[in-house]
Amino acid sequence: MGEIVTEKVVVTTTGSDGSALGSGDSGGIMGFLLDVYLDYHADAPSSTDVTVAFKTRGGNVLVVTDNKTDGLYHPRAKPVDSAGAAITNAHDRFALNDALTVSVAQADALTGCVTAYIRYERI
């Protein structure tokens, strides 16, 4: 049985208001994703987009667009059968064995524009 751990990623954005960008990486994560809490800077615009993705192998874990409201998300993987067809009545936790990248776009230039708290079960 694993332990529940939280990884914190703070993203500072640079650029023009409404189009500022930034990204940050978690440390190495080995386990199963439980949830992600996004904590937005008080001055983040409502156009802010946040993407959480696998750093090395690619692929998105969570995409939240046009948002500035703090929130807790429980992203889940969409399983497929051995032929690659979607299994529409099921979901599973993301298995993690790499860092995650948190990217922010369409924001204002802010120190700590978005802080992502990535909670996972370490194995």
PDB file of N, CA and C in Angstrom:
ATOM      1  N   MET A   1       0.848  -1.174   0.000  1.00  0.00           N
ATOM      2  CA  MET A   1       0.000   0.000   0.000  1.00  0.00           C
ATOM      3  C   MET A   1       0.894   1.236   0.000  1.00  0.00           C
ATOM      4  N   GLY A   2       0.553   2.219  -0.838  1.00  0.00           N
ATOM      5  CA  GLY A   2       1.348   3.434  -0.955  1.00  0.00           C
ATOM      6  C   GLY A   2       0.919   4.500   0.027  1.00  0.00           C
ATOM      7  N   GLU A   3       1.612   5.609  -0.047  1.00  0.00           N
ATOM      8  CA  GLU A   3       1.240   6.762   0.770  1.00  0.00           C
ATOM      9  C   GLU A   3       0.745   7.873  -0.135  1.00  0.00           C
ATOM     10  N   ILE A   4      -0.105   8.761   0.386  1.00  0.00           N
ATOM     11  CA  ILE A   4      -0.627   9.879  -0.384  1.00  0.00           C
ATOM     12  C   ILE A   4       0.319  11.062  -0.221  1.00  0.00           C
ATOM     13  N   VAL A   5       0.743  11.621  -1.364  1.00  0.00           N
ATOM     14  CA  VAL A   5       1.745  12.684  -1.401  1.00  0.00           C
ATOM     15  C   VAL A   5       1.210  13.824  -2.257  1.00  0.00           C
ATOM     16  N   THR A   6       1.591  15.062  -1.926  1.00  0.00           N
ATOM     17  CA  THR A   6       1.225  16.221  -2.731  1.00  0.00           C
ATOM     18  C   THR A   6       2.477  16.875  -3.288  1.00  0.00           C
ATOM     19  N   GLU A   7       2.483  17.093  -4.590  1.00  0.00           N
ATOM     20  CA  GLU A   7       3.567  17.786  -5.297  1.00  0.00           C
ATOM     21  C   GLU A   7       3.039  19.170  -5.685  1.00  0.00           C
ATOM     22  N   LYS A   8       3.787  20.220  -5.358  1.00  0.00           N
ATOM     23  CA  LYS A   8       3.362  21.599  -5.626  1.00  0.00           C
ATOM     24  C   LYS A   8       4.166  22.154  -6.796  1.00  0.00           C
ATOM     25  N   VAL A   9       3.448  22.720  -7.793  1.00  0.00           N
ATOM     26  CA  VAL A   9       4.094  23.352  -8.939  1.00  0.00           C
ATOM     27  C   VAL A   9       3.559  24.777  -9.053  1.00  0.00           C
ATOM     28  N   VAL A  10       4.456  25.758  -8.924  1.00  0.00           N
ATOM     29  CA  VAL A  10       4.092  27.163  -9.036  1.00  0.00           C
ATOM     30  C   VAL A  10       4.521  27.664 -10.411  1.00  0.00           C
ATOM     31  N   VAL A  11       3.577  28.260 -11.145  1.00  0.00           N
ATOM     32  CA  VAL A  11       3.866  28.756 -12.494  1.00  0.00           C
ATOM     33  C   VAL A  11       3.772  30.280 -12.502  1.00  0.00           C
ATOM     34  N   THR A  12       4.883  30.915 -12.858  1.00  0.00           N
ATOM     35  CA  THR A  12       4.943  32.363 -13.052  1.00  0.00           C
ATOM     36  C   THR A  12       4.852  32.628 -14.545  1.00  0.00           C
ATOM     37  N   THR A  13       4.048  33.610 -14.931  1.00  0.00           N
ATOM     38  CA  THR A  13       3.847  33.914 -16.344  1.00  0.00           C
ATOM     39  C   THR A  13       4.524  35.226 -16.713  1.00  0.00           C
ATOM     40  N   THR A  14       4.973  35.301 -17.976  1.00  0.00           N
ATOM     41  CA  THR A  14       5.591  36.521 -18.509  1.00  0.00           C
ATOM     42  C   THR A  14       4.984  36.816 -19.871  1.00  0.00           C
ATOM     43  N   GLY A  15       4.973  38.095 -20.211  1.00  0.00           N
ATOM     44  CA  GLY A  15       4.431  38.512 -21.501  1.00  0.00           C
ATOM     45  C   GLY A  15       3.367  39.568 -21.311  1.00  0.00           C
ATOM     46  N   SER A  16       2.639  39.819 -22.379  1.00  0.00           N
ATOM     47  CA  SER A  16       1.600  40.849 -22.380  1.00  0.00           C
ATOM     48  C   SER A  16       0.332  40.347 -21.707  1.00  0.00           C
ATOM     49  N   ASP A  17      -0.413  41.288 -21.121  1.00  0.00           N
ATOM     50  CA  ASP A  17      -1.677  40.927 -20.485  1.00  0.00           C
ATOM     51  C   ASP A  17      -2.596  40.240 -21.486  1.00  0.00           C
ATOM     52  N   GLY A  18      -3.179  39.130 -21.068  1.00  0.00           N
ATOM     53  CA  GLY A  18      -4.070  38.351 -21.904  1.00  0.00           C
ATOM     54  C   GLY A  18      -3.372  37.337 -22.787  1.00  0.00           C
ATOM     55  N   SER A  19      -2.033  37.427 -22.867  1.00  0.00           N
ATOM     56  CA  SER A  19      -1.300  36.454 -23.685  1.00  0.00           C
ATOM     57  C   SER A  19      -0.007  35.997 -23.026  1.00  0.00           C
ATOM     58  N   ALA A  20       0.130  36.222 -21.732  1.00  0.00           N
ATOM     59  CA  ALA A  20       1.329  35.794 -21.008  1.00  0.00           C
ATOM     60  C   ALA A  20       1.340  34.275 -20.871  1.00  0.00           C
ATOM     61  N   LEU A  21       2.563  33.721 -20.865  1.00  0.00           N
ATOM     62  CA  LEU A  21       2.767  32.275 -20.805  1.00  0.00           C
ATOM     63  C   LEU A  21       3.710  31.911 -19.673  1.00  0.00           C
ATOM     64  N   GLY A  22       3.662  30.658 -19.263  1.00  0.00           N
ATOM     65  CA  GLY A  22       4.617  30.137 -18.297  1.00  0.00           C
ATOM     66  C   GLY A  22       4.410  28.653 -18.120  1.00  0.00           C
ATOM     67  N   SER A  23       5.417  27.994 -17.568  1.00  0.00           N
ATOM     68  CA  SER A  23       5.275  26.570 -17.280  1.00  0.00           C
ATOM     69  C   SER A  23       6.206  26.181 -16.147  1.00  0.00           C
ATOM     70  N   GLY A  24       5.910  25.062 -15.540  1.00  0.00           N
ATOM     71  CA  GLY A  24       6.734  24.527 -14.466  1.00  0.00           C
ATOM     72  C   GLY A  24       6.567  23.026 -14.420  1.00  0.00           C
ATOM     73  N   ASP A  25       7.577  22.344 -13.906  1.00  0.00           N
ATOM     74  CA  ASP A  25       7.567  20.889 -13.839  1.00  0.00           C
ATOM     75  C   ASP A  25       7.539  20.413 -12.397  1.00  0.00           C
ATOM     76  N   SER A  26       6.840  19.313 -12.192  1.00  0.00           N
ATOM     77  CA  SER A  26       6.883  18.652 -10.896  1.00  0.00           C
ATOM     78  C   SER A  26       8.192  17.893 -10.796  1.00  0.00           C
ATOM     79  N   GLY A  27       8.464  17.378  -9.629  1.00  0.00           N
ATOM     80  CA  GLY A  27       9.557  16.426  -9.504  1.00  0.00           C
ATOM     81  C   GLY A  27       9.092  15.100 -10.084  1.00  0.00           C
ATOM     82  N   GLY A  28       9.951  14.105 -10.057  1.00  0.00           N
ATOM     83  CA  GLY A  28       9.560  12.787 -10.539  1.00  0.00           C
ATOM     84  C   GLY A  28       8.450  12.203  -9.685  1.00  0.00           C
ATOM     85  N   ILE A  29       7.449  11.666 -10.339  1.00  0.00           N
ATOM     86  CA  ILE A  29       6.296  11.094  -9.641  1.00  0.00           C
ATOM     87  C   ILE A  29       6.174   9.627 -10.031  1.00  0.00           C
ATOM     88  N   MET A  30       6.040   8.764  -9.031  1.00  0.00           N
ATOM     89  CA  MET A  30       5.840   7.337  -9.275  1.00  0.00           C
ATOM     90  C   MET A  30       4.612   6.924  -8.476  1.00  0.00           C
ATOM     91  N   GLY A  31       3.508   6.702  -9.197  1.00  0.00           N
ATOM     92  CA  GLY A  31       2.292   6.312  -8.504  1.00  0.00           C
ATOM     93  C   GLY A  31       1.060   6.523  -9.352  1.00  0.00           C
ATOM     94  N   PHE A  32      -0.072   6.763  -8.695  1.00  0.00           N
ATOM     95  CA  PHE A  32      -1.352   6.933  -9.375  1.00  0.00           C
ATOM     96  C   PHE A  32      -1.952   8.281  -8.987  1.00  0.00           C
ATOM     97  N   LEU A  33      -2.334   9.059 -10.006  1.00  0.00           N
ATOM     98  CA  LEU A  33      -2.891  10.394  -9.788  1.00  0.00           C
ATOM     99  C   LEU A  33      -4.242  10.311  -9.083  1.00  0.00           C
ATOM    100  N   LEU A  34      -4.388  11.101  -8.026  1.00  0.00           N
ATOM    101  CA  LEU A  34      -5.662  11.183  -7.316  1.00  0.00           C
ATOM    102  C   LEU A  34      -6.440  12.419  -7.749  1.00  0.00           C
ATOM    103  N   ASP A  35      -5.817  13.604  -7.648  1.00  0.00           N
ATOM    104  CA  ASP A  35      -6.498  14.831  -8.034  1.00  0.00           C
ATOM    105  C   ASP A  35      -5.499  15.963  -8.209  1.00  0.00           C
ATOM    106  N   VAL A  36      -5.993  17.062  -8.778  1.00  0.00           N
ATOM    107  CA  VAL A  36      -5.192  18.270  -8.985  1.00  0.00           C
ATOM    108  C   VAL A  36      -6.017  19.450  -8.500  1.00  0.00           C
ATOM    109  N   TYR A  37      -5.444  20.244  -7.600  1.00  0.00           N
ATOM    110  CA  TYR A  37      -6.094  21.474  -7.147  1.00  0.00           C
ATOM    111  C   TYR A  37      -5.384  22.637  -7.810  1.00  0.00           C
ATOM    112  N   LEU A  38      -6.135  23.480  -8.543  1.00  0.00           N
ATOM    113  CA  LEU A  38      -5.573  24.668  -9.184  1.00  0.00           C
ATOM    114  C   LEU A  38      -5.928  25.887  -8.362  1.00  0.00           C
ATOM    115  N   ASP A  39      -4.900  26.610  -7.934  1.00  0.00           N
ATOM    116  CA  ASP A  39      -5.035  27.819  -7.120  1.00  0.00           C
ATOM    117  C   ASP A  39      -4.550  28.990  -7.963  1.00  0.00           C
ATOM    118  N   TYR A  40      -5.478  29.848  -8.404  1.00  0.00           N
ATOM    119  CA  TYR A  40      -5.161  30.962  -9.281  1.00  0.00           C
ATOM    120  C   TYR A  40      -4.803  32.214  -8.480  1.00  0.00           C
ATOM    121  N   HIS A  41      -3.879  33.002  -9.002  1.00  0.00           N
ATOM    122  CA  HIS A  41      -3.551  34.314  -8.446  1.00  0.00           C
ATOM    123  C   HIS A  41      -4.826  35.162  -8.459  1.00  0.00           C
ATOM    124  N   ALA A  42      -4.994  36.010  -7.480  1.00  0.00           N
ATOM    125  CA  ALA A  42      -6.202  36.838  -7.384  1.00  0.00           C
ATOM    126  C   ALA A  42      -6.401  37.720  -8.615  1.00  0.00           C
ATOM    127  N   ASP A  43      -5.315  38.080  -9.310  1.00  0.00           N
ATOM    128  CA  ASP A  43      -5.408  38.955 -10.483  1.00  0.00           C
ATOM    129  C   ASP A  43      -5.376  38.197 -11.810  1.00  0.00           C
ATOM    130  N   ALA A  44      -5.474  36.873 -11.791  1.00  0.00           N
ATOM    131  CA  ALA A  44      -5.481  36.107 -13.042  1.00  0.00           C
ATOM    132  C   ALA A  44      -6.739  36.450 -13.833  1.00  0.00           C
ATOM    133  N   PRO A  45      -6.602  36.624 -15.153  1.00  0.00           N
ATOM    134  CA  PRO A  45      -7.779  36.938 -15.959  1.00  0.00           C
ATOM    135  C   PRO A  45      -8.618  35.696 -16.233  1.00  0.00           C
ATOM    136  N   SER A  46      -9.869  35.891 -16.592  1.00  0.00           N
ATOM    137  CA  SER A  46     -10.768  34.767 -16.867  1.00  0.00           C
ATOM    138  C   SER A  46     -10.406  34.030 -18.149  1.00  0.00           C
ATOM    139  N   SER A  47      -9.470  34.558 -18.925  1.00  0.00           N
ATOM    140  CA  SER A  47      -9.013  33.895 -20.155  1.00  0.00           C
ATOM    141  C   SER A  47      -7.917  32.864 -19.892  1.00  0.00           C
ATOM    142  N   THR A  48      -7.510  32.684 -18.637  1.00  0.00           N
ATOM    143  CA  THR A  48      -6.373  31.820 -18.304  1.00  0.00           C
ATOM    144  C   THR A  48      -6.663  30.351 -18.645  1.00  0.00           C
ATOM    145  N   ASP A  49      -5.699  29.735 -19.359  1.00  0.00           N
ATOM    146  CA  ASP A  49      -5.760  28.312 -19.708  1.00  0.00           C
ATOM    147  C   ASP A  49      -4.656  27.572 -18.955  1.00  0.00           C
ATOM    148  N   VAL A  50      -4.987  26.411 -18.407  1.00  0.00           N
ATOM    149  CA  VAL A  50      -4.000  25.581 -17.699  1.00  0.00           C
ATOM    150  C   VAL A  50      -4.033  24.175 -18.295  1.00  0.00           C
ATOM    151  N   THR A  51      -2.842  23.650 -18.599  1.00  0.00           N
ATOM    152  CA  THR A  51      -2.716  22.280 -19.098  1.00  0.00           C
ATOM    153  C   THR A  51      -1.714  21.534 -18.224  1.00  0.00           C
ATOM    154  N   VAL A  52      -2.096  20.366 -17.755  1.00  0.00           N
ATOM    155  CA  VAL A  52      -1.192  19.470 -17.028  1.00  0.00           C
ATOM    156  C   VAL A  52      -0.943  18.284 -17.955  1.00  0.00           C
ATOM    157  N   ALA A  53       0.342  18.027 -18.251  1.00  0.00           N
ATOM    158  CA  ALA A  53       0.685  16.987 -19.221  1.00  0.00           C
ATOM    159  C   ALA A  53       1.882  16.173 -18.748  1.00  0.00           C
ATOM    160  N   PHE A  54       2.025  14.974 -19.311  1.00  0.00           N
ATOM    161  CA  PHE A  54       3.211  14.166 -19.053  1.00  0.00           C
ATOM    162  C   PHE A  54       4.411  14.880 -19.651  1.00  0.00           C
ATOM    163  N   LYS A  55       5.486  15.022 -18.901  1.00  0.00           N
ATOM    164  CA  LYS A  55       6.657  15.772 -19.366  1.00  0.00           C
ATOM    165  C   LYS A  55       7.395  15.058 -20.492  1.00  0.00           C
ATOM    166  N   THR A  56       7.668  13.778 -20.358  1.00  0.00           N
ATOM    167  CA  THR A  56       8.508  13.077 -21.317  1.00  0.00           C
ATOM    168  C   THR A  56       7.721  12.431 -22.449  1.00  0.00           C
ATOM    169  N   ARG A  57       6.681  11.709 -22.117  1.00  0.00           N
ATOM    170  CA  ARG A  57       5.996  10.928 -23.152  1.00  0.00           C
ATOM    171  C   ARG A  57       4.882  11.689 -23.853  1.00  0.00           C
ATOM    172  N   GLY A  58       4.560  12.888 -23.374  1.00  0.00           N
ATOM    173  CA  GLY A  58       3.482  13.655 -23.990  1.00  0.00           C
ATOM    174  C   GLY A  58       2.115  13.148 -23.567  1.00  0.00           C
ATOM    175  N   GLY A  59       1.116  13.886 -23.914  1.00  0.00           N
ATOM    176  CA  GLY A  59      -0.257  13.536 -23.566  1.00  0.00           C
ATOM    177  C   GLY A  59      -0.754  14.343 -22.389  1.00  0.00           C
ATOM    178  N   ASN A  60      -1.959  14.863 -22.533  1.00  0.00           N
ATOM    179  CA  ASN A  60      -2.550  15.692 -21.489  1.00  0.00           C
ATOM    180  C   ASN A  60      -3.219  14.857 -20.415  1.00  0.00           C
ATOM    181  N   VAL A  61      -3.104  15.347 -19.191  1.00  0.00           N
ATOM    182  CA  VAL A  61      -3.786  14.761 -18.047  1.00  0.00           C
ATOM    183  C   VAL A  61      -5.005  15.603 -17.694  1.00  0.00           C
ATOM    184  N   LEU A  62      -4.879  16.940 -17.819  1.00  0.00           N
ATOM    185  CA  LEU A  62      -5.955  17.861 -17.466  1.00  0.00           C
ATOM    186  C   LEU A  62      -5.806  19.133 -18.294  1.00  0.00           C
ATOM    187  N   VAL A  63      -6.923  19.623 -18.850  1.00  0.00           N
ATOM    188  CA  VAL A  63      -6.944  20.896 -19.565  1.00  0.00           C
ATOM    189  C   VAL A  63      -8.123  21.700 -19.028  1.00  0.00           C
ATOM    190  N   VAL A  64      -7.842  22.899 -18.507  1.00  0.00           N
ATOM    191  CA  VAL A  64      -8.882  23.797 -17.996  1.00  0.00           C
ATOM    192  C   VAL A  64      -8.730  25.109 -18.745  1.00  0.00           C
ATOM    193  N   THR A  65      -9.747  25.497 -19.503  1.00  0.00           N
ATOM    194  CA  THR A  65      -9.656  26.697 -20.331  1.00  0.00           C
ATOM    195  C   THR A  65     -10.558  27.810 -19.819  1.00  0.00           C
ATOM    196  N   ASP A  66     -10.109  29.041 -20.102  1.00  0.00           N
ATOM    197  CA  ASP A  66     -10.880  30.247 -19.784  1.00  0.00           C
ATOM    198  C   ASP A  66     -11.425  30.209 -18.360  1.00  0.00           C
ATOM    199  N   ASN A  67     -10.509  30.123 -17.404  1.00  0.00           N
ATOM    200  CA  ASN A  67     -10.913  29.975 -16.010  1.00  0.00           C
ATOM    201  C   ASN A  67      -9.974  30.763 -15.099  1.00  0.00           C
ATOM    202  N   LYS A  68     -10.494  31.240 -13.993  1.00  0.00           N
ATOM    203  CA  LYS A  68      -9.667  31.864 -12.955  1.00  0.00           C
ATOM    204  C   LYS A  68     -10.168  31.516 -11.555  1.00  0.00           C
ATOM    205  N   THR A  69     -11.038  30.528 -11.488  1.00  0.00           N
ATOM    206  CA  THR A  69     -11.630  30.119 -10.221  1.00  0.00           C
ATOM    207  C   THR A  69     -10.897  28.896  -9.682  1.00  0.00           C
ATOM    208  N   ASP A  70     -10.409  28.996  -8.442  1.00  0.00           N
ATOM    209  CA  ASP A  70      -9.741  27.864  -7.806  1.00  0.00           C
ATOM    210  C   ASP A  70     -10.661  26.646  -7.848  1.00  0.00           C
ATOM    211  N   GLY A  71     -10.061  25.461  -8.036  1.00  0.00           N
ATOM    212  CA  GLY A  71     -10.903  24.280  -8.082  1.00  0.00           C
ATOM    213  C   GLY A  71     -10.133  22.984  -7.963  1.00  0.00           C
ATOM    214  N   LEU A  72     -10.834  21.947  -7.543  1.00  0.00           N
ATOM    215  CA  LEU A  72     -10.294  20.608  -7.398  1.00  0.00           C
ATOM    216  C   LEU A  72     -10.801  19.753  -8.554  1.00  0.00           C
ATOM    217  N   TYR A  73      -9.872  19.086  -9.242  1.00  0.00           N
ATOM    218  CA  TYR A  73     -10.200  18.261 -10.405  1.00  0.00           C
ATOM    219  C   TYR A  73      -9.711  16.839 -10.162  1.00  0.00           C
ATOM    220  N   HIS A  74     -10.484  15.881 -10.649  1.00  0.00           N
ATOM    221  CA  HIS A  74     -10.151  14.460 -10.523  1.00  0.00           C
ATOM    222  C   HIS A  74     -10.010  13.859 -11.923  1.00  0.00           C
ATOM    223  N   PRO A  75      -8.917  14.166 -12.637  1.00  0.00           N
ATOM    224  CA  PRO A  75      -8.777  13.636 -13.998  1.00  0.00           C
ATOM    225  C   PRO A  75      -8.635  12.121 -13.994  1.00  0.00           C
ATOM    226  N   ARG A  76      -9.245  11.491 -14.998  1.00  0.00           N
ATOM    227  CA  ARG A  76      -9.178  10.039 -15.134  1.00  0.00           C
ATOM    228  C   ARG A  76      -8.854   9.679 -16.582  1.00  0.00           C
ATOM    229  N   ALA A  77      -8.156   8.563 -16.730  1.00  0.00           N
ATOM    230  CA  ALA A  77      -7.786   8.057 -18.051  1.00  0.00           C
ATOM    231  C   ALA A  77      -8.983   7.339 -18.668  1.00  0.00           C
ATOM    232  N   LYS A  78      -9.049   7.394 -19.999  1.00  0.00           N
ATOM    233  CA  LYS A  78     -10.107   6.705 -20.737  1.00  0.00           C
ATOM    234  C   LYS A  78      -9.538   5.394 -21.271  1.00  0.00           C
ATOM    235  N   PRO A  79      -9.954   4.272 -20.718  1.00  0.00           N
ATOM    236  CA  PRO A  79      -9.395   2.994 -21.162  1.00  0.00           C
ATOM    237  C   PRO A  79      -9.909   2.597 -22.546  1.00  0.00           C
ATOM    238  N   VAL A  80      -9.112   1.752 -23.200  1.00  0.00           N
ATOM    239  CA  VAL A  80      -9.484   1.175 -24.491  1.00  0.00           C
ATOM    240  C   VAL A  80      -9.263  -0.329 -24.426  1.00  0.00           C
ATOM    241  N   ASP A  81      -9.913  -1.057 -25.334  1.00  0.00           N
ATOM    242  CA  ASP A  81      -9.700  -2.505 -25.377  1.00  0.00           C
ATOM    243  C   ASP A  81      -8.444  -2.814 -26.190  1.00  0.00           C
ATOM    244  N   SER A  82      -8.128  -4.093 -26.367  1.00  0.00           N
ATOM    245  CA  SER A  82      -6.887  -4.489 -27.043  1.00  0.00           C
ATOM    246  C   SER A  82      -6.854  -4.078 -28.513  1.00  0.00           C
ATOM    247  N   ALA A  83      -8.000  -3.730 -29.088  1.00  0.00           N
ATOM    248  CA  ALA A  83      -8.049  -3.265 -30.477  1.00  0.00           C
ATOM    249  C   ALA A  83      -8.010  -1.747 -30.564  1.00  0.00           C
ATOM    250  N   GLY A  84      -7.922  -1.076 -29.427  1.00  0.00           N
ATOM    251  CA  GLY A  84      -7.867   0.381 -29.400  1.00  0.00           C
ATOM    252  C   GLY A  84      -9.226   1.056 -29.396  1.00  0.00           C
ATOM    253  N   ALA A  85     -10.309   0.295 -29.260  1.00  0.00           N
ATOM    254  CA  ALA A  85     -11.655   0.864 -29.215  1.00  0.00           C
ATOM    255  C   ALA A  85     -11.957   1.359 -27.800  1.00  0.00           C
ATOM    256  N   ALA A  86     -12.609   2.504 -27.722  1.00  0.00           N
ATOM    257  CA  ALA A  86     -12.928   3.104 -26.428  1.00  0.00           C
ATOM    258  C   ALA A  86     -13.866   2.219 -25.616  1.00  0.00           C
ATOM    259  N   ILE A  87     -13.573   2.106 -24.330  1.00  0.00           N
ATOM    260  CA  ILE A  87     -14.474   1.460 -23.376  1.00  0.00           C
ATOM    261  C   ILE A  87     -15.228   2.612 -22.728  1.00  0.00           C
ATOM    262  N   THR A  88     -16.470   2.804 -23.112  1.00  0.00           N
ATOM    263  CA  THR A  88     -17.193   4.028 -22.761  1.00  0.00           C
ATOM    264  C   THR A  88     -17.805   4.040 -21.374  1.00  0.00           C
ATOM    265  N   ASN A  89     -17.861   2.901 -20.703  1.00  0.00           N
ATOM    266  CA  ASN A  89     -18.501   2.857 -19.384  1.00  0.00           C
ATOM    267  C   ASN A  89     -17.482   2.657 -18.265  1.00  0.00           C
ATOM    268  N   ALA A  90     -16.234   3.118 -18.480  1.00  0.00           N
ATOM    269  CA  ALA A  90     -15.198   2.907 -17.471  1.00  0.00           C
ATOM    270  C   ALA A  90     -14.207   4.072 -17.475  1.00  0.00           C
ATOM    271  N   HIS A  91     -13.467   4.161 -16.412  1.00  0.00           N
ATOM    272  CA  HIS A  91     -12.373   5.120 -16.297  1.00  0.00           C
ATOM    273  C   HIS A  91     -11.360   4.556 -15.307  1.00  0.00           C
ATOM    274  N   ASP A  92     -10.145   5.109 -15.333  1.00  0.00           N
ATOM    275  CA  ASP A  92      -9.094   4.603 -14.447  1.00  0.00           C
ATOM    276  C   ASP A  92      -8.188   5.764 -14.057  1.00  0.00           C
ATOM    277  N   ARG A  93      -7.474   5.615 -12.974  1.00  0.00           N
ATOM    278  CA  ARG A  93      -6.516   6.641 -12.565  1.00  0.00           C
ATOM    279  C   ARG A  93      -5.328   6.632 -13.530  1.00  0.00           C
ATOM    280  N   PHE A  94      -4.719   7.806 -13.708  1.00  0.00           N
ATOM    281  CA  PHE A  94      -3.508   7.884 -14.509  1.00  0.00           C
ATOM    282  C   PHE A  94      -2.349   7.265 -13.742  1.00  0.00           C
ATOM    283  N   ALA A  95      -1.622   6.363 -14.370  1.00  0.00           N
ATOM    284  CA  ALA A  95      -0.397   5.811 -13.800  1.00  0.00           C
ATOM    285  C   ALA A  95       0.732   6.779 -14.137  1.00  0.00           C
ATOM    286  N   LEU A  96       1.526   7.158 -13.137  1.00  0.00           N
ATOM    287  CA  LEU A  96       2.582   8.157 -13.312  1.00  0.00           C
ATOM    288  C   LEU A  96       3.943   7.538 -13.007  1.00  0.00           C
ATOM    289  N   ASN A  97       4.900   7.801 -13.888  1.00  0.00           N
ATOM    290  CA  ASN A  97       6.286   7.409 -13.625  1.00  0.00           C
ATOM    291  C   ASN A  97       7.237   8.404 -14.272  1.00  0.00           C
ATOM    292  N   ASP A  98       6.883   9.672 -14.177  1.00  0.00           N
ATOM    293  CA  ASP A  98       7.619  10.761 -14.794  1.00  0.00           C
ATOM    294  C   ASP A  98       7.204  12.056 -14.101  1.00  0.00           C
ATOM    295  N   ALA A  99       7.799  13.141 -14.524  1.00  0.00           N
ATOM    296  CA  ALA A  99       7.355  14.456 -14.057  1.00  0.00           C
ATOM    297  C   ALA A  99       6.127  14.889 -14.857  1.00  0.00           C
ATOM    298  N   LEU A 100       5.357  15.813 -14.296  1.00  0.00           N
ATOM    299  CA  LEU A 100       4.251  16.451 -15.000  1.00  0.00           C
ATOM    300  C   LEU A 100       4.628  17.901 -15.262  1.00  0.00           C
ATOM    301  N   THR A 101       4.220  18.418 -16.416  1.00  0.00           N
ATOM    302  CA  THR A 101       4.432  19.822 -16.763  1.00  0.00           C
ATOM    303  C   THR A 101       3.110  20.553 -16.635  1.00  0.00           C
ATOM    304  N   VAL A 102       3.115  21.679 -15.915  1.00  0.00           N
ATOM    305  CA  VAL A 102       1.945  22.544 -15.794  1.00  0.00           C
ATOM    306  C   VAL A 102       2.222  23.773 -16.645  1.00  0.00           C
ATOM    307  N   SER A 103       1.415  23.971 -17.686  1.00  0.00           N
ATOM    308  CA  SER A 103       1.576  25.098 -18.603  1.00  0.00           C
ATOM    309  C   SER A 103       0.397  26.046 -18.458  1.00  0.00           C
ATOM    310  N   VAL A 104       0.696  27.350 -18.500  1.00  0.00           N
ATOM    311  CA  VAL A 104      -0.335  28.381 -18.399  1.00  0.00           C
ATOM    312  C   VAL A 104      -0.230  29.269 -19.631  1.00  0.00           C
ATOM    313  N   ALA A 105      -1.367  29.605 -20.216  1.00  0.00           N
ATOM    314  CA  ALA A 105      -1.421  30.473 -21.392  1.00  0.00           C
ATOM    315  C   ALA A 105      -2.579  31.449 -21.245  1.00  0.00           C
ATOM    316  N   GLN A 106      -2.558  32.495 -22.069  1.00  0.00           N
ATOM    317  CA  GLN A 106      -3.608  33.513 -22.124  1.00  0.00           C
ATOM    318  C   GLN A 106      -3.848  34.175 -20.774  1.00  0.00           C
ATOM    319  N   ALA A 107      -2.773  34.325 -20.015  1.00  0.00           N
ATOM    320  CA  ALA A 107      -2.866  34.947 -18.690  1.00  0.00           C
ATOM    321  C   ALA A 107      -2.249  36.339 -18.737  1.00  0.00           C
ATOM    322  N   ASP A 108      -2.152  36.986 -17.598  1.00  0.00           N
ATOM    323  CA  ASP A 108      -1.391  38.225 -17.440  1.00  0.00           C
ATOM    324  C   ASP A 108      -0.034  37.857 -16.842  1.00  0.00           C
ATOM    325  N   ALA A 109       0.914  38.769 -16.926  1.00  0.00           N
ATOM    326  CA  ALA A 109       2.232  38.527 -16.338  1.00  0.00           C
ATOM    327  C   ALA A 109       2.101  38.596 -14.816  1.00  0.00           C
ATOM    328  N   LEU A 110       2.200  37.430 -14.165  1.00  0.00           N
ATOM    329  CA  LEU A 110       2.002  37.346 -12.716  1.00  0.00           C
ATOM    330  C   LEU A 110       2.981  36.368 -12.093  1.00  0.00           C
ATOM    331  N   THR A 111       3.555  36.759 -10.975  1.00  0.00           N
ATOM    332  CA  THR A 111       4.354  35.828 -10.183  1.00  0.00           C
ATOM    333  C   THR A 111       3.386  34.904  -9.457  1.00  0.00           C
ATOM    334  N   GLY A 112       3.541  33.607  -9.653  1.00  0.00           N
ATOM    335  CA  GLY A 112       2.619  32.657  -9.044  1.00  0.00           C
ATOM    336  C   GLY A 112       1.228  32.763  -9.648  1.00  0.00           C
ATOM    337  N   CYS A 113       1.151  32.856 -10.963  1.00  0.00           N
ATOM    338  CA  CYS A 113      -0.141  32.978 -11.653  1.00  0.00           C
ATOM    339  C   CYS A 113      -1.051  31.805 -11.302  1.00  0.00           C
ATOM    340  N   VAL A 114      -0.491  30.593 -11.340  1.00  0.00           N
ATOM    341  CA  VAL A 114      -1.245  29.397 -10.973  1.00  0.00           C
ATOM    342  C   VAL A 114      -0.341  28.489 -10.147  1.00  0.00           C
ATOM    343  N   THR A 115      -0.885  27.975  -9.068  1.00  0.00           N
ATOM    344  CA  THR A 115      -0.200  26.944  -8.290  1.00  0.00           C
ATOM    345  C   THR A 115      -1.023  25.674  -8.400  1.00  0.00           C
ATOM    346  N   ALA A 116      -0.371  24.600  -8.867  1.00  0.00           N
ATOM    347  CA  ALA A 116      -1.041  23.305  -8.987  1.00  0.00           C
ATOM    348  C   ALA A 116      -0.570  22.403  -7.857  1.00  0.00           C
ATOM    349  N   TYR A 117      -1.511  21.854  -7.127  1.00  0.00           N
ATOM    350  CA  TYR A 117      -1.220  20.870  -6.089  1.00  0.00           C
ATOM    351  C   TYR A 117      -1.632  19.510  -6.650  1.00  0.00           C
ATOM    352  N   ILE A 118      -0.641  18.682  -6.961  1.00  0.00           N
ATOM    353  CA  ILE A 118      -0.864  17.388  -7.590  1.00  0.00           C
ATOM    354  C   ILE A 118      -0.796  16.323  -6.506  1.00  0.00           C
ATOM    355  N   ARG A 119      -1.938  15.707  -6.220  1.00  0.00           N
ATOM    356  CA  ARG A 119      -1.986  14.702  -5.159  1.00  0.00           C
ATOM    357  C   ARG A 119      -2.019  13.326  -5.801  1.00  0.00           C
ATOM    358  N   TYR A 120      -1.137  12.454  -5.313  1.00  0.00           N
ATOM    359  CA  TYR A 120      -1.061  11.118  -5.900  1.00  0.00           C
ATOM    360  C   TYR A 120      -0.725  10.080  -4.838  1.00  0.00           C
ATOM    361  N   GLU A 121      -1.018   8.834  -5.184  1.00  0.00           N
ATOM    362  CA  GLU A 121      -0.663   7.724  -4.311  1.00  0.00           C
ATOM    363  C   GLU A 121       0.690   7.211  -4.773  1.00  0.00           C
ATOM    364  N   ARG A 122       1.706   7.399  -3.930  1.00  0.00           N
ATOM    365  CA  ARG A 122       3.069   6.970  -4.262  1.00  0.00           C
ATOM    366  C   ARG A 122       3.188   5.455  -4.084  1.00  0.00           C
ATOM    367  N   ILE A 123       3.865   4.834  -5.053  1.00  0.00           N
ATOM    368  CA  ILE A 123       4.113   3.390  -4.940  1.00  0.00           C
ATOM    369  C   ILE A 123       5.595   3.133  -4.985  1.00  0.00           C
TER     370      ILE A 123
END
